[in-house]
Amino acid sequence: MLILVWFVTCIIFYFVQLILGNSGHALEVFAALSGIAIFLISKIKHRVK
């Protein structure tokens, strides 16, 4: 599960950097999207059990 979270986080980081570049808001967007993705992975994990 940790590998899945790491993989998703890296993909989100890549796309945020690609779209926003060195914008001052890139870190905030990355943090928000990562939080949402980890929340959804957690919900899916608990639903499968």
C-alpha atoms as a PDB file:
ATOM      1  CA  MET A   1       0.000   0.000   0.000  1.00  0.00           C
ATOM      2  CA  LEU A   2       2.850   2.378   0.777  1.00  0.00           C
ATOM      3  CA  ILE A   3       4.267   1.856  -2.719  1.00  0.00           C
ATOM      4  CA  LEU A   4       0.891   2.822  -4.208  1.00  0.00           C
ATOM      5  CA  VAL A   5       0.792   6.012  -2.126  1.00  0.00           C
ATOM      6  CA  TRP A   6       4.371   6.863  -3.136  1.00  0.00           C
ATOM      7  CA  PHE A   7       3.613   6.222  -6.819  1.00  0.00           C
ATOM      8  CA  VAL A   8       0.483   8.398  -6.776  1.00  0.00           C
ATOM      9  CA  THR A   9       2.334  11.162  -4.928  1.00  0.00           C
ATOM     10  CA  CYS A  10       5.119  11.178  -7.515  1.00  0.00           C
ATOM     11  CA  ILE A  11       2.629  11.339 -10.388  1.00  0.00           C
ATOM     12  CA  ILE A  12       0.758  14.225  -8.758  1.00  0.00           C
ATOM     13  CA  PHE A  13       4.043  16.073  -8.120  1.00  0.00           C
ATOM     14  CA  TYR A  14       5.083  15.629 -11.755  1.00  0.00           C
ATOM     15  CA  PHE A  15       1.809  16.982 -13.149  1.00  0.00           C
ATOM     16  CA  VAL A  16       1.681  19.937 -10.751  1.00  0.00           C
ATOM     17  CA  GLN A  17       5.248  20.905 -11.659  1.00  0.00           C
ATOM     18  CA  LEU A  18       4.475  20.430 -15.355  1.00  0.00           C
ATOM     19  CA  ILE A  19       1.377  22.630 -15.254  1.00  0.00           C
ATOM     20  CA  LEU A  20       2.337  25.296 -12.706  1.00  0.00           C
ATOM     21  CA  GLY A  21       6.126  25.205 -12.966  1.00  0.00           C
ATOM     22  CA  ASN A  22       7.795  27.525 -10.467  1.00  0.00           C
ATOM     23  CA  SER A  23       4.583  29.266  -9.522  1.00  0.00           C
ATOM     24  CA  GLY A  24       4.227  30.201  -5.879  1.00  0.00           C
ATOM     25  CA  HIS A  25       1.068  28.120  -5.629  1.00  0.00           C
ATOM     26  CA  ALA A  26       2.540  24.840  -6.881  1.00  0.00           C
ATOM     27  CA  LEU A  27       3.315  23.584  -3.375  1.00  0.00           C
ATOM     28  CA  GLU A  28      -0.187  24.350  -2.100  1.00  0.00           C
ATOM     29  CA  VAL A  29      -1.820  22.612  -5.070  1.00  0.00           C
ATOM     30  CA  PHE A  30       0.492  19.617  -4.624  1.00  0.00           C
ATOM     31  CA  ALA A  31      -0.343  19.369  -0.915  1.00  0.00           C
ATOM     32  CA  ALA A  32      -4.083  19.585  -1.535  1.00  0.00           C
ATOM     33  CA  LEU A  33      -4.072  17.009  -4.338  1.00  0.00           C
ATOM     34  CA  SER A  34      -1.843  14.647  -2.340  1.00  0.00           C
ATOM     35  CA  GLY A  35      -4.160  14.879   0.652  1.00  0.00           C
ATOM     36  CA  ILE A  36      -7.193  14.115  -1.486  1.00  0.00           C
ATOM     37  CA  ALA A  37      -5.445  11.191  -3.191  1.00  0.00           C
ATOM     38  CA  ILE A  38      -4.268   9.648   0.090  1.00  0.00           C
ATOM     39  CA  PHE A  39      -7.780  10.070   1.535  1.00  0.00           C
ATOM     40  CA  LEU A  40      -9.308   8.290  -1.469  1.00  0.00           C
ATOM     41  CA  ILE A  41      -6.738   5.475  -1.324  1.00  0.00           C
ATOM     42  CA  SER A  42      -7.548   5.037   2.368  1.00  0.00           C
ATOM     43  CA  LYS A  43     -11.285   4.880   1.656  1.00  0.00           C
ATOM     44  CA  ILE A  44     -10.758   2.312  -1.104  1.00  0.00           C
ATOM     45  CA  LYS A  45      -8.488   0.255   1.161  1.00  0.00           C
ATOM     46  CA  HIS A  46     -11.077   0.123   3.961  1.00  0.00           C
ATOM     47  CA  ARG A  47     -13.894  -0.670   1.528  1.00  0.00           C
ATOM     48  CA  VAL A  48     -12.035  -3.714   0.131  1.00  0.00           C
ATOM     49  CA  LYS A  49     -11.578  -5.315   3.568  1.00  0.00           C
END
